[in-house]
Amino acid sequence: IGSAIQASDATDSQGFFTEYGLEQAIKNIIHDELNLSAENYQFSLRDNIIAFYRDWVEMGKPQLLFYVNCLLNAEQLRDLVEKRKRKTDKEVLFIPVDDLQTATITADLIVINTIGSKKKYYKVFPSTSASIYMYFYNLDMEEKV
């Protein structure tokens, strides 16, 4: 999900930015963007953060990269996202993890090399490519621990 959080979205009743507030703001974005309720996934700041960095392509804007463990199967998730898509015109692309692991990824392109099928080309933003790389790098590091 590419979305923005304002500091005010993550503050408590006294106006202080808190870890709890940030986690709730992220959960609100997950719900707003994917139509996914909290009971359908697992997420915590402590367990699901991959990276926090500044994106120089976006003038140094802070970025927070995270993942969620979805408790729905692919078909159920697609149905929820499709319902949301009808309201927003935003497109969500589902690519199997196995396909991404063998894909060619450049700054602005993902090429899926499925055996026995025609290559699939997807234009993406540099931040998308970087996010996919960091996600797989994080998985690789977890396996080594």
Protein backbone atom coordinates (compact mmCIF):
# COMPACT_ATOMS: atom_id res chain seq x y z
CA ILE A 1 0.00 0.00 0.00
CA GLY A 2 1.34 3.39 -0.83
CA SER A 3 -0.29 5.82 1.56
CA ALA A 4 0.49 8.78 3.78
CA ILE A 5 0.16 9.14 7.52
CA GLN A 6 0.09 12.57 9.09
CA ALA A 7 1.67 12.91 12.52
CA SER A 8 -1.72 14.00 13.83
CA ASP A 9 -3.15 10.60 12.78
CA ALA A 10 -0.88 8.89 15.31
CA THR A 11 -1.38 11.06 18.38
CA ASP A 12 -3.09 10.32 21.66
CA SER A 13 -5.85 12.39 23.29
CA GLN A 14 -3.24 14.86 24.60
CA GLY A 15 -1.69 15.37 21.16
CA PHE A 16 1.45 13.26 21.73
CA PHE A 17 2.78 11.05 18.96
CA THR A 18 2.84 7.50 20.36
CA GLU A 19 3.80 4.02 19.24
CA TYR A 20 0.24 2.87 19.90
CA GLY A 21 -1.11 5.79 17.85
CA LEU A 22 1.18 4.95 14.93
CA GLU A 23 0.10 1.31 15.02
CA GLN A 24 -3.57 2.33 15.03
CA ALA A 25 -2.98 4.77 12.16
CA ILE A 26 -1.40 1.98 10.10
CA LYS A 27 -4.32 -0.32 10.88
CA ASN A 28 -6.72 2.41 9.74
CA ILE A 29 -4.84 2.69 6.45
CA ILE A 30 -4.94 -1.09 5.97
CA HIS A 31 -8.70 -0.96 6.48
CA ASP A 32 -9.22 2.09 4.27
CA GLU A 33 -7.01 0.90 1.41
CA LEU A 34 -7.75 -2.83 1.40
CA ASN A 35 -11.10 -3.07 3.18
CA LEU A 36 -9.37 -5.48 5.59
CA SER A 37 -10.64 -5.62 9.18
CA ALA A 38 -8.19 -6.11 12.05
CA GLU A 39 -9.54 -9.59 12.85
CA ASN A 40 -8.41 -10.70 9.36
CA TYR A 41 -4.69 -10.03 9.82
CA GLN A 42 -1.87 -9.90 12.34
CA PHE A 43 0.23 -6.77 12.67
CA SER A 44 2.39 -5.09 15.27
CA LEU A 45 5.05 -2.42 14.95
CA ARG A 46 7.51 -4.57 16.86
CA ASP A 47 7.11 -7.65 14.65
CA ASN A 48 6.18 -6.39 11.20
CA ILE A 49 8.46 -3.45 10.40
CA ILE A 50 10.94 -4.10 7.61
CA ALA A 51 12.54 -0.68 7.19
CA PHE A 52 12.30 2.95 8.12
CA TYR A 53 14.18 5.18 5.71
CA ARG A 54 14.15 8.44 3.76
CA ASP A 55 13.17 8.20 0.11
CA TRP A 56 15.43 10.59 -1.75
CA VAL A 57 13.28 10.22 -4.87
CA GLU A 58 10.54 11.92 -2.83
CA MET A 59 12.78 14.69 -1.49
CA GLY A 60 13.81 12.75 1.61
CA LYS A 61 10.28 11.98 2.75
CA PRO A 62 10.30 9.42 5.60
CA GLN A 63 9.03 5.97 4.63
CA LEU A 64 7.93 3.09 6.82
CA LEU A 65 7.90 -0.33 5.17
CA PHE A 66 5.90 -3.05 6.89
CA TYR A 67 4.01 -6.23 6.13
CA VAL A 68 0.95 -7.91 7.60
CA ASN A 69 0.18 -11.58 8.04
CA CYS A 70 -3.20 -11.94 6.36
CA LEU A 71 -5.46 -14.64 7.78
CA LEU A 72 -7.62 -14.82 4.64
CA ASN A 73 -6.95 -16.93 1.60
CA ALA A 74 -6.12 -15.26 -1.73
CA GLU A 75 -9.68 -15.44 -3.05
CA GLN A 76 -11.19 -13.88 0.09
CA LEU A 77 -8.62 -11.07 0.02
CA ARG A 78 -9.22 -10.39 -3.68
CA ASP A 79 -12.98 -10.17 -3.03
CA LEU A 80 -12.48 -7.58 -0.28
CA VAL A 81 -10.07 -5.53 -2.36
CA GLU A 82 -12.37 -5.65 -5.40
CA LYS A 83 -15.25 -4.32 -3.31
CA ARG A 84 -13.04 -1.45 -2.16
CA LYS A 85 -11.68 -0.84 -5.66
CA ARG A 86 -15.17 -0.16 -6.99
CA LYS A 87 -15.39 2.78 -4.59
CA THR A 88 -11.90 4.25 -5.15
CA ASP A 89 -10.68 3.33 -8.67
CA LYS A 90 -7.35 2.31 -7.10
CA GLU A 91 -5.80 -0.80 -8.58
CA VAL A 92 -4.18 -3.51 -6.48
CA LEU A 93 -1.95 -6.03 -8.19
CA PHE A 94 -1.68 -9.56 -6.82
CA ILE A 95 1.56 -11.32 -7.73
CA PRO A 96 2.38 -14.68 -6.13
CA VAL A 97 5.47 -14.54 -3.89
CA ASP A 98 7.09 -17.38 -5.85
CA ASP A 99 6.79 -15.31 -9.04
CA LEU A 100 8.33 -12.26 -7.35
CA GLN A 101 11.26 -14.30 -6.04
CA THR A 102 12.23 -15.22 -9.60
CA ALA A 103 11.26 -11.90 -11.21
CA THR A 104 13.59 -9.38 -12.77
CA ILE A 105 13.12 -6.13 -10.86
CA THR A 106 14.46 -2.78 -12.00
CA ALA A 107 13.75 0.70 -10.67
CA ASP A 108 10.61 1.05 -12.77
CA LEU A 109 9.74 -2.42 -14.04
CA ILE A 110 8.93 -5.91 -12.75
CA VAL A 111 9.23 -8.75 -15.23
CA ILE A 112 7.59 -12.02 -14.19
CA ASN A 113 9.30 -15.01 -15.77
CA THR A 114 6.73 -17.79 -15.38
CA ILE A 115 7.92 -21.09 -16.86
CA GLY A 116 5.85 -22.07 -19.89
CA SER A 117 4.08 -18.70 -20.03
CA LYS A 118 4.69 -15.40 -21.72
CA LYS A 119 6.64 -12.87 -19.65
CA LYS A 120 4.51 -10.33 -17.81
CA TYR A 121 5.68 -6.73 -17.54
CA TYR A 122 4.52 -4.32 -14.85
CA LYS A 123 5.46 -0.64 -14.72
CA VAL A 124 6.11 0.37 -11.10
CA PHE A 125 7.44 3.27 -9.08
CA PRO A 126 11.03 3.07 -7.80
CA SER A 127 9.67 2.92 -4.25
CA THR A 128 7.71 -0.23 -5.18
CA SER A 129 10.83 -1.94 -6.52
CA ALA A 130 12.81 -0.92 -3.45
CA SER A 131 10.05 -2.20 -1.15
CA ILE A 132 9.99 -5.60 -2.83
CA TYR A 133 13.77 -5.87 -2.60
CA MET A 134 13.77 -4.92 1.10
CA TYR A 135 10.95 -7.37 1.81
CA PHE A 136 12.90 -10.29 0.34
CA TYR A 137 16.14 -9.10 1.95
CA ASN A 138 14.33 -9.08 5.31
CA LEU A 139 13.00 -12.62 4.72
CA ASP A 140 16.50 -13.81 3.87
CA MET A 141 17.91 -12.25 7.06
CA GLU A 142 15.17 -13.87 9.21
CA GLU A 143 16.02 -17.30 7.76
CA LYS A 144 19.68 -16.83 8.69
CA VAL A 145 18.91 -16.00 12.32
